[in-house]
Amino acid sequence: MKRIVRNGDWLLAMTGGLALALSYSVFLLDDETVINLAREDGLFEYGGAISFFIAALLFIWLFIRSRSGNDFVIFKTRNNICYMVLALLFLFAAGEEISWGQRLLNITTPQAIEELNLQGEIN
């Protein structure tokens, strides 16, 4: 049986391997460095928000490019609606990751919510 390997398979495998290695490299760092990287408005938080936003953009692109559509009992769609649902989910996750810009836009939290939320944020 002949095995078919596409040109992009090696790039995808290398990118996945690099991402996996980088995600586990945090175990090699000392505690103080990890705390600094994982702090609020730190590298990990913004990296996560950017990744969620890129995922949302990719699912929007897939929604626009899809032609399979959905066949619900009541109606049919031209494009695959699941891609748009996933795009909205990742866009929501990106917004939540940066607390909807609350700290970036300098919006103060009402006292009643601040007492209930451990992070002192509106979300």
PDB file of N, CA and C in Angstrom:
ATOM      1  N   MET A   1       0.840  -1.172   0.000  1.00  0.00           N
ATOM      2  CA  MET A   1       0.000   0.000   0.000  1.00  0.00           C
ATOM      3  C   MET A   1       0.894   1.246   0.000  1.00  0.00           C
ATOM      4  N   LYS A   2       0.671   2.126  -0.943  1.00  0.00           N
ATOM      5  CA  LYS A   2       1.484   3.328  -1.078  1.00  0.00           C
ATOM      6  C   LYS A   2       0.929   4.423  -0.156  1.00  0.00           C
ATOM      7  N   ARG A   3       1.829   5.049   0.572  1.00  0.00           N
ATOM      8  CA  ARG A   3       1.438   6.101   1.511  1.00  0.00           C
ATOM      9  C   ARG A   3       1.597   7.452   0.829  1.00  0.00           C
ATOM     10  N   ILE A   4       0.562   8.272   0.897  1.00  0.00           N
ATOM     11  CA  ILE A   4       0.583   9.581   0.256  1.00  0.00           C
ATOM     12  C   ILE A   4       0.884  10.640   1.309  1.00  0.00           C
ATOM     13  N   VAL A   5       1.926  11.432   1.064  1.00  0.00           N
ATOM     14  CA  VAL A   5       2.299  12.521   1.961  1.00  0.00           C
ATOM     15  C   VAL A   5       2.186  13.827   1.179  1.00  0.00           C
ATOM     16  N   ARG A   6       1.387  14.732   1.661  1.00  0.00           N
ATOM     17  CA  ARG A   6       1.230  16.022   0.995  1.00  0.00           C
ATOM     18  C   ARG A   6       2.371  16.949   1.396  1.00  0.00           C
ATOM     19  N   ASN A   7       2.592  17.989   0.618  1.00  0.00           N
ATOM     20  CA  ASN A   7       3.686  18.925   0.867  1.00  0.00           C
ATOM     21  C   ASN A   7       3.556  19.629   2.216  1.00  0.00           C
ATOM     22  N   GLY A   8       2.365  19.998   2.615  1.00  0.00           N
ATOM     23  CA  GLY A   8       2.167  20.735   3.853  1.00  0.00           C
ATOM     24  C   GLY A   8       2.197  19.884   5.115  1.00  0.00           C
ATOM     25  N   ASP A   9       2.232  18.557   4.961  1.00  0.00           N
ATOM     26  CA  ASP A   9       2.212  17.676   6.128  1.00  0.00           C
ATOM     27  C   ASP A   9       3.443  17.865   7.012  1.00  0.00           C
ATOM     28  N   TRP A  10       4.615  18.025   6.406  1.00  0.00           N
ATOM     29  CA  TRP A  10       5.836  18.195   7.189  1.00  0.00           C
ATOM     30  C   TRP A  10       5.818  19.510   7.948  1.00  0.00           C
ATOM     31  N   LEU A  11       5.348  20.568   7.300  1.00  0.00           N
ATOM     32  CA  LEU A  11       5.257  21.870   7.955  1.00  0.00           C
ATOM     33  C   LEU A  11       4.288  21.813   9.123  1.00  0.00           C
ATOM     34  N   LEU A  12       3.161  21.167   8.925  1.00  0.00           N
ATOM     35  CA  LEU A  12       2.178  21.025   9.996  1.00  0.00           C
ATOM     36  C   LEU A  12       2.740  20.213  11.156  1.00  0.00           C
ATOM     37  N   ALA A  13       3.450  19.138  10.861  1.00  0.00           N
ATOM     38  CA  ALA A  13       4.046  18.303  11.902  1.00  0.00           C
ATOM     39  C   ALA A  13       5.120  19.070  12.672  1.00  0.00           C
ATOM     40  N   MET A  14       5.937  19.824  11.970  1.00  0.00           N
ATOM     41  CA  MET A  14       6.992  20.614  12.627  1.00  0.00           C
ATOM     42  C   MET A  14       6.393  21.718  13.498  1.00  0.00           C
ATOM     43  N   THR A  15       5.363  22.382  13.005  1.00  0.00           N
ATOM     44  CA  THR A  15       4.710  23.439  13.779  1.00  0.00           C
ATOM     45  C   THR A  15       4.068  22.859  15.036  1.00  0.00           C
ATOM     46  N   GLY A  16       3.406  21.721  14.898  1.00  0.00           N
ATOM     47  CA  GLY A  16       2.803  21.067  16.055  1.00  0.00           C
ATOM     48  C   GLY A  16       3.845  20.619  17.064  1.00  0.00           C
ATOM     49  N   GLY A  17       4.939  20.075  16.580  1.00  0.00           N
ATOM     50  CA  GLY A  17       6.021  19.657  17.480  1.00  0.00           C
ATOM     51  C   GLY A  17       6.640  20.831  18.210  1.00  0.00           C
ATOM     52  N   LEU A  18       6.827  21.943  17.501  1.00  0.00           N
ATOM     53  CA  LEU A  18       7.377  23.146  18.125  1.00  0.00           C
ATOM     54  C   LEU A  18       6.427  23.697  19.185  1.00  0.00           C
ATOM     55  N   ALA A  19       5.146  23.730  18.871  1.00  0.00           N
ATOM     56  CA  ALA A  19       4.159  24.212  19.843  1.00  0.00           C
ATOM     57  C   ALA A  19       4.132  23.322  21.082  1.00  0.00           C
ATOM     58  N   LEU A  20       4.215  22.024  20.885  1.00  0.00           N
ATOM     59  CA  LEU A  20       4.227  21.097  22.012  1.00  0.00           C
ATOM     60  C   LEU A  20       5.476  21.275  22.865  1.00  0.00           C
ATOM     61  N   ALA A  21       6.625  21.406  22.219  1.00  0.00           N
ATOM     62  CA  ALA A  21       7.878  21.602  22.957  1.00  0.00           C
ATOM     63  C   ALA A  21       7.854  22.914  23.730  1.00  0.00           C
ATOM     64  N   LEU A  22       7.357  23.977  23.120  1.00  0.00           N
ATOM     65  CA  LEU A  22       7.293  25.267  23.810  1.00  0.00           C
ATOM     66  C   LEU A  22       6.326  25.232  24.989  1.00  0.00           C
ATOM     67  N   SER A  23       5.210  24.517  24.843  1.00  0.00           N
ATOM     68  CA  SER A  23       4.245  24.470  25.933  1.00  0.00           C
ATOM     69  C   SER A  23       4.792  23.709  27.145  1.00  0.00           C
ATOM     70  N   TYR A  24       5.637  22.708  26.922  1.00  0.00           N
ATOM     71  CA  TYR A  24       6.227  21.966  28.037  1.00  0.00           C
ATOM     72  C   TYR A  24       7.528  22.576  28.540  1.00  0.00           C
ATOM     73  N   SER A  25       8.069  23.544  27.811  1.00  0.00           N
ATOM     74  CA  SER A  25       9.323  24.176  28.242  1.00  0.00           C
ATOM     75  C   SER A  25       9.143  24.997  29.510  1.00  0.00           C
ATOM     76  N   VAL A  26       7.915  25.342  29.849  1.00  0.00           N
ATOM     77  CA  VAL A  26       7.660  26.112  31.069  1.00  0.00           C
ATOM     78  C   VAL A  26       8.095  25.332  32.309  1.00  0.00           C
ATOM     79  N   PHE A  27       8.132  24.009  32.238  1.00  0.00           N
ATOM     80  CA  PHE A  27       8.557  23.197  33.374  1.00  0.00           C
ATOM     81  C   PHE A  27      10.051  23.320  33.648  1.00  0.00           C
ATOM     82  N   LEU A  28      10.786  23.839  32.691  1.00  0.00           N
ATOM     83  CA  LEU A  28      12.227  24.009  32.865  1.00  0.00           C
ATOM     84  C   LEU A  28      12.588  25.352  33.499  1.00  0.00           C
ATOM     85  N   LEU A  29      11.603  26.235  33.637  1.00  0.00           N
ATOM     86  CA  LEU A  29      11.846  27.575  34.177  1.00  0.00           C
ATOM     87  C   LEU A  29      11.699  27.584  35.693  1.00  0.00           C
ATOM     88  N   ASP A  30      12.337  28.557  36.335  1.00  0.00           N
ATOM     89  CA  ASP A  30      12.198  28.672  37.787  1.00  0.00           C
ATOM     90  C   ASP A  30      10.842  29.306  38.127  1.00  0.00           C
ATOM     91  N   ASP A  31      10.430  29.190  39.385  1.00  0.00           N
ATOM     92  CA  ASP A  31       9.106  29.642  39.820  1.00  0.00           C
ATOM     93  C   ASP A  31       8.880  31.131  39.584  1.00  0.00           C
ATOM     94  N   GLU A  32       9.879  31.946  39.855  1.00  0.00           N
ATOM     95  CA  GLU A  32       9.723  33.399  39.708  1.00  0.00           C
ATOM     96  C   GLU A  32       9.471  33.787  38.250  1.00  0.00           C
ATOM     97  N   THR A  33      10.153  33.147  37.334  1.00  0.00           N
ATOM     98  CA  THR A  33       9.965  33.427  35.910  1.00  0.00           C
ATOM     99  C   THR A  33       8.561  33.027  35.468  1.00  0.00           C
ATOM    100  N   VAL A  34       8.094  31.878  35.926  1.00  0.00           N
ATOM    101  CA  VAL A  34       6.751  31.417  35.579  1.00  0.00           C
ATOM    102  C   VAL A  34       5.702  32.377  36.136  1.00  0.00           C
ATOM    103  N   ILE A  35       5.883  32.845  37.352  1.00  0.00           N
ATOM    104  CA  ILE A  35       4.938  33.795  37.941  1.00  0.00           C
ATOM    105  C   ILE A  35       4.911  35.091  37.137  1.00  0.00           C
ATOM    106  N   ASN A  36       6.080  35.570  36.715  1.00  0.00           N
ATOM    107  CA  ASN A  36       6.135  36.792  35.911  1.00  0.00           C
ATOM    108  C   ASN A  36       5.476  36.610  34.547  1.00  0.00           C
ATOM    109  N   LEU A  37       5.651  35.452  33.930  1.00  0.00           N
ATOM    110  CA  LEU A  37       5.044  35.198  32.627  1.00  0.00           C
ATOM    111  C   LEU A  37       3.527  35.025  32.718  1.00  0.00           C
ATOM    112  N   ALA A  38       3.045  34.458  33.829  1.00  0.00           N
ATOM    113  CA  ALA A  38       1.624  34.139  33.966  1.00  0.00           C
ATOM    114  C   ALA A  38       0.827  35.223  34.684  1.00  0.00           C
ATOM    115  N   ARG A  39       1.427  36.344  35.010  1.00  0.00           N
ATOM    116  CA  ARG A  39       0.717  37.398  35.729  1.00  0.00           C
ATOM    117  C   ARG A  39      -0.365  38.017  34.841  1.00  0.00           C
ATOM    118  N   GLU A  40      -1.268  38.770  35.466  1.00  0.00           N
ATOM    119  CA  GLU A  40      -2.301  39.483  34.723  1.00  0.00           C
ATOM    120  C   GLU A  40      -1.642  40.432  33.734  1.00  0.00           C
ATOM    121  N   ASP A  41      -2.177  40.517  32.543  1.00  0.00           N
ATOM    122  CA  ASP A  41      -1.637  41.334  31.455  1.00  0.00           C
ATOM    123  C   ASP A  41      -0.208  40.941  31.110  1.00  0.00           C
ATOM    124  N   GLY A  42       0.122  39.676  31.283  1.00  0.00           N
ATOM    125  CA  GLY A  42       1.463  39.186  30.976  1.00  0.00           C
ATOM    126  C   GLY A  42       1.516  38.508  29.624  1.00  0.00           C
ATOM    127  N   LEU A  43       2.671  37.925  29.345  1.00  0.00           N
ATOM    128  CA  LEU A  43       2.925  37.290  28.057  1.00  0.00           C
ATOM    129  C   LEU A  43       1.942  36.150  27.770  1.00  0.00           C
ATOM    130  N   PHE A  44       1.697  35.294  28.741  1.00  0.00           N
ATOM    131  CA  PHE A  44       0.807  34.147  28.516  1.00  0.00           C
ATOM    132  C   PHE A  44      -0.624  34.598  28.255  1.00  0.00           C
ATOM    133  N   GLU A  45      -1.085  35.599  28.995  1.00  0.00           N
ATOM    134  CA  GLU A  45      -2.463  36.058  28.822  1.00  0.00           C
ATOM    135  C   GLU A  45      -2.665  36.670  27.435  1.00  0.00           C
ATOM    136  N   TYR A  46      -1.752  37.547  27.030  1.00  0.00           N
ATOM    137  CA  TYR A  46      -1.887  38.149  25.707  1.00  0.00           C
ATOM    138  C   TYR A  46      -1.635  37.137  24.601  1.00  0.00           C
ATOM    139  N   GLY A  47      -0.733  36.182  24.832  1.00  0.00           N
ATOM    140  CA  GLY A  47      -0.522  35.119  23.852  1.00  0.00           C
ATOM    141  C   GLY A  47      -1.774  34.283  23.654  1.00  0.00           C
ATOM    142  N   GLY A  48      -2.456  33.987  24.753  1.00  0.00           N
ATOM    143  CA  GLY A  48      -3.707  33.241  24.659  1.00  0.00           C
ATOM    144  C   GLY A  48      -4.785  34.028  23.941  1.00  0.00           C
ATOM    145  N   ALA A  49      -4.903  35.313  24.253  1.00  0.00           N
ATOM    146  CA  ALA A  49      -5.912  36.154  23.610  1.00  0.00           C
ATOM    147  C   ALA A  49      -5.654  36.271  22.110  1.00  0.00           C
ATOM    148  N   ILE A  50      -4.393  36.452  21.732  1.00  0.00           N
ATOM    149  CA  ILE A  50      -4.047  36.551  20.311  1.00  0.00           C
ATOM    150  C   ILE A  50      -4.336  35.227  19.603  1.00  0.00           C
ATOM    151  N   SER A  51      -4.038  34.114  20.263  1.00  0.00           N
ATOM    152  CA  SER A  51      -4.303  32.804  19.670  1.00  0.00           C
ATOM    153  C   SER A  51      -5.799  32.575  19.469  1.00  0.00           C
ATOM    154  N   PHE A  52      -6.605  32.940  20.455  1.00  0.00           N
ATOM    155  CA  PHE A  52      -8.062  32.821  20.313  1.00  0.00           C
ATOM    156  C   PHE A  52      -8.568  33.690  19.166  1.00  0.00           C
ATOM    157  N   PHE A  53      -8.038  34.908  19.045  1.00  0.00           N
ATOM    158  CA  PHE A  53      -8.470  35.821  17.995  1.00  0.00           C
ATOM    159  C   PHE A  53      -8.084  35.279  16.616  1.00  0.00           C
ATOM    160  N   ILE A  54      -6.885  34.727  16.482  1.00  0.00           N
ATOM    161  CA  ILE A  54      -6.460  34.135  15.208  1.00  0.00           C
ATOM    162  C   ILE A  54      -7.346  32.944  14.860  1.00  0.00           C
ATOM    163  N   ALA A  55      -7.683  32.126  15.865  1.00  0.00           N
ATOM    164  CA  ALA A  55      -8.578  30.987  15.627  1.00  0.00           C
ATOM    165  C   ALA A  55      -9.942  31.471  15.149  1.00  0.00           C
ATOM    166  N   ALA A  56     -10.443  32.563  15.732  1.00  0.00           N
ATOM    167  CA  ALA A  56     -11.722  33.124  15.297  1.00  0.00           C
ATOM    168  C   ALA A  56     -11.649  33.581  13.847  1.00  0.00           C
ATOM    169  N   LEU A  57     -10.559  34.251  13.479  1.00  0.00           N
ATOM    170  CA  LEU A  57     -10.397  34.702  12.100  1.00  0.00           C
ATOM    171  C   LEU A  57     -10.330  33.523  11.126  1.00  0.00           C
ATOM    172  N   LEU A  58      -9.629  32.454  11.530  1.00  0.00           N
ATOM    173  CA  LEU A  58      -9.542  31.274  10.668  1.00  0.00           C
ATOM    174  C   LEU A  58     -10.906  30.614  10.475  1.00  0.00           C
ATOM    175  N   PHE A  59     -11.713  30.547  11.529  1.00  0.00           N
ATOM    176  CA  PHE A  59     -13.047  29.956  11.380  1.00  0.00           C
ATOM    177  C   PHE A  59     -13.979  30.847  10.564  1.00  0.00           C
ATOM    178  N   ILE A  60     -13.802  32.167  10.635  1.00  0.00           N
ATOM    179  CA  ILE A  60     -14.579  33.059   9.768  1.00  0.00           C
ATOM    180  C   ILE A  60     -14.189  32.809   8.307  1.00  0.00           C
ATOM    181  N   TRP A  61     -12.887  32.668   8.066  1.00  0.00           N
ATOM    182  CA  TRP A  61     -12.415  32.379   6.716  1.00  0.00           C
ATOM    183  C   TRP A  61     -12.979  31.039   6.219  1.00  0.00           C
ATOM    184  N   LEU A  62     -12.975  30.017   7.083  1.00  0.00           N
ATOM    185  CA  LEU A  62     -13.543  28.722   6.702  1.00  0.00           C
ATOM    186  C   LEU A  62     -15.036  28.829   6.423  1.00  0.00           C
ATOM    187  N   PHE A  63     -15.736  29.646   7.197  1.00  0.00           N
ATOM    188  CA  PHE A  63     -17.171  29.839   6.969  1.00  0.00           C
ATOM    189  C   PHE A  63     -17.418  30.447   5.593  1.00  0.00           C
ATOM    190  N   ILE A  64     -16.625  31.454   5.245  1.00  0.00           N
ATOM    191  CA  ILE A  64     -16.791  32.116   3.949  1.00  0.00           C
ATOM    192  C   ILE A  64     -16.458  31.156   2.813  1.00  0.00           C
ATOM    193  N   ARG A  65     -15.425  30.343   2.987  1.00  0.00           N
ATOM    194  CA  ARG A  65     -14.982  29.431   1.931  1.00  0.00           C
ATOM    195  C   ARG A  65     -15.821  28.153   1.824  1.00  0.00           C
ATOM    196  N   SER A  66     -16.544  27.788   2.867  1.00  0.00           N
ATOM    197  CA  SER A  66     -17.287  26.519   2.848  1.00  0.00           C
ATOM    198  C   SER A  66     -18.474  26.615   1.902  1.00  0.00           C
ATOM    199  N   ARG A  67     -18.710  25.555   1.212  1.00  0.00           N
ATOM    200  CA  ARG A  67     -19.849  25.481   0.304  1.00  0.00           C
ATOM    201  C   ARG A  67     -20.745  24.294   0.626  1.00  0.00           C
ATOM    202  N   SER A  68     -20.384  23.538   1.656  1.00  0.00           N
ATOM    203  CA  SER A  68     -21.164  22.344   1.972  1.00  0.00           C
ATOM    204  C   SER A  68     -22.508  22.698   2.579  1.00  0.00           C
ATOM    205  N   GLY A  69     -22.548  23.745   3.377  1.00  0.00           N
ATOM    206  CA  GLY A  69     -23.804  24.142   3.989  1.00  0.00           C
ATOM    207  C   GLY A  69     -24.299  23.145   5.015  1.00  0.00           C
ATOM    208  N   ASN A  70     -25.439  23.468   5.573  1.00  0.00           N
ATOM    209  CA  ASN A  70     -26.085  22.599   6.547  1.00  0.00           C
ATOM    210  C   ASN A  70     -27.506  22.321   6.086  1.00  0.00           C
ATOM    211  N   ASP A  71     -27.988  21.142   6.377  1.00  0.00           N
ATOM    212  CA  ASP A  71     -29.358  20.779   6.034  1.00  0.00           C
ATOM    213  C   ASP A  71     -30.112  20.492   7.318  1.00  0.00           C
ATOM    214  N   PHE A  72     -30.648  21.560   7.910  1.00  0.00           N
ATOM    215  CA  PHE A  72     -31.495  21.396   9.078  1.00  0.00           C
ATOM    216  C   PHE A  72     -32.880  21.020   8.593  1.00  0.00           C
ATOM    217  N   VAL A  73     -33.687  20.454   9.445  1.00  0.00           N
ATOM    218  CA  VAL A  73     -35.014  20.000   9.037  1.00  0.00           C
ATOM    219  C   VAL A  73     -35.858  21.173   8.545  1.00  0.00           C
ATOM    220  N   ILE A  74     -35.740  22.314   9.199  1.00  0.00           N
ATOM    221  CA  ILE A  74     -36.582  23.460   8.882  1.00  0.00           C
ATOM    222  C   ILE A  74     -36.002  24.313   7.758  1.00  0.00           C
ATOM    223  N   PHE A  75     -34.682  24.447   7.692  1.00  0.00           N
ATOM    224  CA  PHE A  75     -34.055  25.302   6.684  1.00  0.00           C
ATOM    225  C   PHE A  75     -32.680  24.760   6.293  1.00  0.00           C
ATOM    226  N   LYS A  76     -32.194  25.279   5.166  1.00  0.00           N
ATOM    227  CA  LYS A  76     -30.872  24.914   4.677  1.00  0.00           C
ATOM    228  C   LYS A  76     -30.007  26.167   4.637  1.00  0.00           C
ATOM    229  N   THR A  77     -28.691  25.975   4.833  1.00  0.00           N
ATOM    230  CA  THR A  77     -27.764  27.104   4.752  1.00  0.00           C
ATOM    231  C   THR A  77     -26.778  26.864   3.615  1.00  0.00           C
ATOM    232  N   ARG A  78     -26.296  27.957   3.032  1.00  0.00           N
ATOM    233  CA  ARG A  78     -25.307  27.836   1.955  1.00  0.00           C
ATOM    234  C   ARG A  78     -23.931  27.497   2.506  1.00  0.00           C
ATOM    235  N   ASN A  79     -23.575  28.124   3.620  1.00  0.00           N
ATOM    236  CA  ASN A  79     -22.268  27.894   4.234  1.00  0.00           C
ATOM    237  C   ASN A  79     -22.445  27.058   5.496  1.00  0.00           C
ATOM    238  N   ASN A  80     -21.363  26.430   5.904  1.00  0.00           N
ATOM    239  CA  ASN A  80     -21.404  25.593   7.100  1.00  0.00           C
ATOM    240  C   ASN A  80     -21.486  26.487   8.338  1.00  0.00           C
ATOM    241  N   ILE A  81     -22.609  26.507   8.984  1.00  0.00           N
ATOM    242  CA  ILE A  81     -22.872  27.400  10.122  1.00  0.00           C
ATOM    243  C   ILE A  81     -22.034  27.027  11.344  1.00  0.00           C
ATOM    244  N   CYS A  82     -21.567  25.794  11.415  1.00  0.00           N
ATOM    245  CA  CYS A  82     -20.740  25.365  12.549  1.00  0.00           C
ATOM    246  C   CYS A  82     -19.451  26.179  12.626  1.00  0.00           C
ATOM    247  N   TYR A  83     -18.905  26.555  11.465  1.00  0.00           N
ATOM    248  CA  TYR A  83     -17.698  27.380  11.456  1.00  0.00           C
ATOM    249  C   TYR A  83     -17.955  28.748  12.081  1.00  0.00           C
ATOM    250  N   MET A  84     -19.105  29.338  11.792  1.00  0.00           N
ATOM    251  CA  MET A  84     -19.412  30.648  12.359  1.00  0.00           C
ATOM    252  C   MET A  84     -19.647  30.548  13.869  1.00  0.00           C
ATOM    253  N   VAL A  85     -20.273  29.481  14.312  1.00  0.00           N
ATOM    254  CA  VAL A  85     -20.475  29.285  15.753  1.00  0.00           C
ATOM    255  C   VAL A  85     -19.124  29.168  16.462  1.00  0.00           C
ATOM    256  N   LEU A  86     -18.209  28.412  15.874  1.00  0.00           N
ATOM    257  CA  LEU A  86     -16.872  28.285  16.458  1.00  0.00           C
ATOM    258  C   LEU A  86     -16.124  29.619  16.423  1.00  0.00           C
ATOM    259  N   ALA A  87     -16.284  30.391  15.352  1.00  0.00           N
ATOM    260  CA  ALA A  87     -15.646  31.714  15.271  1.00  0.00           C
ATOM    261  C   ALA A  87     -16.149  32.610  16.396  1.00  0.00           C
ATOM    262  N   LEU A  88     -17.442  32.620  16.637  1.00  0.00           N
ATOM    263  CA  LEU A  88     -17.999  33.441  17.719  1.00  0.00           C
ATOM    264  C   LEU A  88     -17.522  32.959  19.083  1.00  0.00           C
ATOM    265  N   LEU A  89     -17.407  31.650  19.250  1.00  0.00           N
ATOM    266  CA  LEU A  89     -16.917  31.091  20.507  1.00  0.00           C
ATOM    267  C   LEU A  89     -15.479  31.534  20.782  1.00  0.00           C
ATOM    268  N   PHE A  90     -14.611  31.447  19.781  1.00  0.00           N
ATOM    269  CA  PHE A  90     -13.219  31.861  19.966  1.00  0.00           C
ATOM    270  C   PHE A  90     -13.089  33.372  20.130  1.00  0.00           C
ATOM    271  N   LEU A  91     -13.947  34.139  19.470  1.00  0.00           N
ATOM    272  CA  LEU A  91     -13.935  35.588  19.643  1.00  0.00           C
ATOM    273  C   LEU A  91     -14.350  35.950  21.070  1.00  0.00           C
ATOM    274  N   PHE A  92     -15.351  35.247  21.589  1.00  0.00           N
ATOM    275  CA  PHE A  92     -15.765  35.439  22.977  1.00  0.00           C
ATOM    276  C   PHE A  92     -14.624  35.076  23.940  1.00  0.00           C
ATOM    277  N   ALA A  93     -13.938  33.972  23.661  1.00  0.00           N
ATOM    278  CA  ALA A  93     -12.824  33.548  24.517  1.00  0.00           C
ATOM    279  C   ALA A  93     -11.690  34.565  24.492  1.00  0.00           C
ATOM    280  N   ALA A  94     -11.413  35.152  23.331  1.00  0.00           N
ATOM    281  CA  ALA A  94     -10.361  36.180  23.236  1.00  0.00           C
ATOM    282  C   ALA A  94     -10.741  37.397  24.067  1.00  0.00           C
ATOM    283  N   GLY A  95     -11.984  37.808  23.987  1.00  0.00           N
ATOM    284  CA  GLY A  95     -12.438  38.952  24.775  1.00  0.00           C
ATOM    285  C   GLY A  95     -12.386  38.675  26.263  1.00  0.00           C
ATOM    286  N   GLU A  96     -12.755  37.485  26.662  1.00  0.00           N
ATOM    287  CA  GLU A  96     -12.729  37.138  28.082  1.00  0.00           C
ATOM    288  C   GLU A  96     -11.299  37.064  28.599  1.00  0.00           C
ATOM    289  N   GLU A  97     -10.391  36.616  27.754  1.00  0.00           N
ATOM    290  CA  GLU A  97      -8.993  36.473  28.164  1.00  0.00           C
ATOM    291  C   GLU A  97      -8.372  37.822  28.533  1.00  0.00           C
ATOM    292  N   ILE A  98      -8.776  38.869  27.834  1.00  0.00           N
ATOM    293  CA  ILE A  98      -8.245  40.204  28.159  1.00  0.00           C
ATOM    294  C   ILE A  98      -9.249  41.010  28.977  1.00  0.00           C
ATOM    295  N   SER A  99     -10.186  40.306  29.618  1.00  0.00           N
ATOM    296  CA  SER A  99     -11.201  40.935  30.468  1.00  0.00           C
ATOM    297  C   SER A  99     -11.964  42.022  29.716  1.00  0.00           C
ATOM    298  N   TRP A 100     -12.203  41.765  28.449  1.00  0.00           N
ATOM    299  CA  TRP A 100     -12.965  42.676  27.593  1.00  0.00           C
ATOM    300  C   TRP A 100     -12.364  44.069  27.578  1.00  0.00           C
ATOM    301  N   GLY A 101     -11.074  44.146  27.760  1.00  0.00           N
ATOM    302  CA  GLY A 101     -10.393  45.427  27.689  1.00  0.00           C
ATOM    303  C   GLY A 101     -10.622  46.315  28.892  1.00  0.00           C
ATOM    304  N   GLN A 102     -11.141  45.758  29.972  1.00  0.00           N
ATOM    305  CA  GLN A 102     -11.454  46.569  31.153  1.00  0.00           C
ATOM    306  C   GLN A 102     -10.221  47.285  31.674  1.00  0.00           C
ATOM    307  N   ARG A 103      -9.138  46.566  31.849  1.00  0.00           N
ATOM    308  CA  ARG A 103      -7.913  47.207  32.349  1.00  0.00           C
ATOM    309  C   ARG A 103      -7.272  48.064  31.272  1.00  0.00           C
ATOM    310  N   LEU A 104      -7.405  47.643  30.019  1.00  0.00           N
ATOM    311  CA  LEU A 104      -6.805  48.412  28.929  1.00  0.00           C
ATOM    312  C   LEU A 104      -7.508  49.762  28.737  1.00  0.00           C
ATOM    313  N   LEU A 105      -8.826  49.766  28.900  1.00  0.00           N
ATOM    314  CA  LEU A 105      -9.606  50.995  28.719  1.00  0.00           C
ATOM    315  C   LEU A 105      -9.820  51.748  30.029  1.00  0.00           C
ATOM    316  N   ASN A 106      -9.268  51.222  31.115  1.00  0.00           N
ATOM    317  CA  ASN A 106      -9.345  51.872  32.428  1.00  0.00           C
ATOM    318  C   ASN A 106     -10.778  52.047  32.918  1.00  0.00           C
ATOM    319  N   ILE A 107     -11.586  51.002  32.771  1.00  0.00           N
ATOM    320  CA  ILE A 107     -12.970  51.018  33.245  1.00  0.00           C
ATOM    321  C   ILE A 107     -12.977  50.491  34.669  1.00  0.00           C
ATOM    322  N   THR A 108     -13.612  51.214  35.567  1.00  0.00           N
ATOM    323  CA  THR A 108     -13.641  50.791  36.970  1.00  0.00           C
ATOM    324  C   THR A 108     -14.789  49.820  37.205  1.00  0.00           C
ATOM    325  N   THR A 109     -14.565  48.904  38.123  1.00  0.00           N
ATOM    326  CA  THR A 109     -15.563  47.907  38.481  1.00  0.00           C
ATOM    327  C   THR A 109     -16.472  48.460  39.575  1.00  0.00           C
ATOM    328  N   PRO A 110     -17.799  48.303  39.426  1.00  0.00           N
ATOM    329  CA  PRO A 110     -18.697  48.728  40.502  1.00  0.00           C
ATOM    330  C   PRO A 110     -18.379  47.973  41.797  1.00  0.00           C
ATOM    331  N   GLN A 111     -18.564  48.626  42.915  1.00  0.00           N
ATOM    332  CA  GLN A 111     -18.200  48.078  44.224  1.00  0.00           C
ATOM    333  C   GLN A 111     -18.877  46.737  44.496  1.00  0.00           C
ATOM    334  N   ALA A 112     -20.152  46.609  44.138  1.00  0.00           N
ATOM    335  CA  ALA A 112     -20.901  45.374  44.406  1.00  0.00           C
ATOM    336  C   ALA A 112     -20.299  44.187  43.650  1.00  0.00           C
ATOM    337  N   ILE A 113     -19.882  44.399  42.407  1.00  0.00           N
ATOM    338  CA  ILE A 113     -19.285  43.317  41.620  1.00  0.00           C
ATOM    339  C   ILE A 113     -17.868  43.029  42.095  1.00  0.00           C
ATOM    340  N   GLU A 114     -17.134  44.062  42.464  1.00  0.00           N
ATOM    341  CA  GLU A 114     -15.749  43.897  42.896  1.00  0.00           C
ATOM    342  C   GLU A 114     -15.656  43.023  44.144  1.00  0.00           C
ATOM    343  N   GLU A 115     -16.637  43.120  45.029  1.00  0.00           N
ATOM    344  CA  GLU A 115     -16.641  42.307  46.247  1.00  0.00           C
ATOM    345  C   GLU A 115     -16.910  40.839  45.945  1.00  0.00           C
ATOM    346  N   LEU A 116     -17.660  40.560  44.882  1.00  0.00           N
ATOM    347  CA  LEU A 116     -18.019  39.187  44.542  1.00  0.00           C
ATOM    348  C   LEU A 116     -16.966  38.494  43.664  1.00  0.00           C
ATOM    349  N   ASN A 117     -16.241  39.253  42.870  1.00  0.00           N
ATOM    350  CA  ASN A 117     -15.287  38.701  41.921  1.00  0.00           C
ATOM    351  C   ASN A 117     -13.888  38.726  42.516  1.00  0.00           C
ATOM    352  N   LEU A 118     -13.213  37.589  42.552  1.00  0.00           N
ATOM    353  CA  LEU A 118     -11.875  37.491  43.141  1.00  0.00           C
ATOM    354  C   LEU A 118     -10.850  38.356  42.420  1.00  0.00           C
ATOM    355  N   GLN A 119     -11.014  38.515  41.105  1.00  0.00           N
ATOM    356  CA  GLN A 119     -10.075  39.331  40.344  1.00  0.00           C
ATOM    357  C   GLN A 119     -10.453  40.803  40.351  1.00  0.00           C
ATOM    358  N   GLY A 120     -11.609  41.129  40.886  1.00  0.00           N
ATOM    359  CA  GLY A 120     -12.046  42.518  40.904  1.00  0.00           C
ATOM    360  C   GLY A 120     -12.405  43.036  39.520  1.00  0.00           C
ATOM    361  N   GLU A 121     -12.929  42.160  38.678  1.00  0.00           N
ATOM    362  CA  GLU A 121     -13.265  42.522  37.304  1.00  0.00           C
ATOM    363  C   GLU A 121     -14.767  42.405  37.069  1.00  0.00           C
ATOM    364  N   ILE A 122     -15.233  43.056  36.022  1.00  0.00           N
ATOM    365  CA  ILE A 122     -16.660  43.028  35.687  1.00  0.00           C
ATOM    366  C   ILE A 122     -17.072  41.649  35.212  1.00  0.00           C
ATOM    367  N   ASN A 123     -16.236  41.005  34.401  1.00  0.00           N
ATOM    368  CA  ASN A 123     -16.645  39.700  33.839  1.00  0.00           C
ATOM    369  C   ASN A 123     -16.697  38.704  34.944  1.00  0.00           C
TER     370      ASN A 123
END
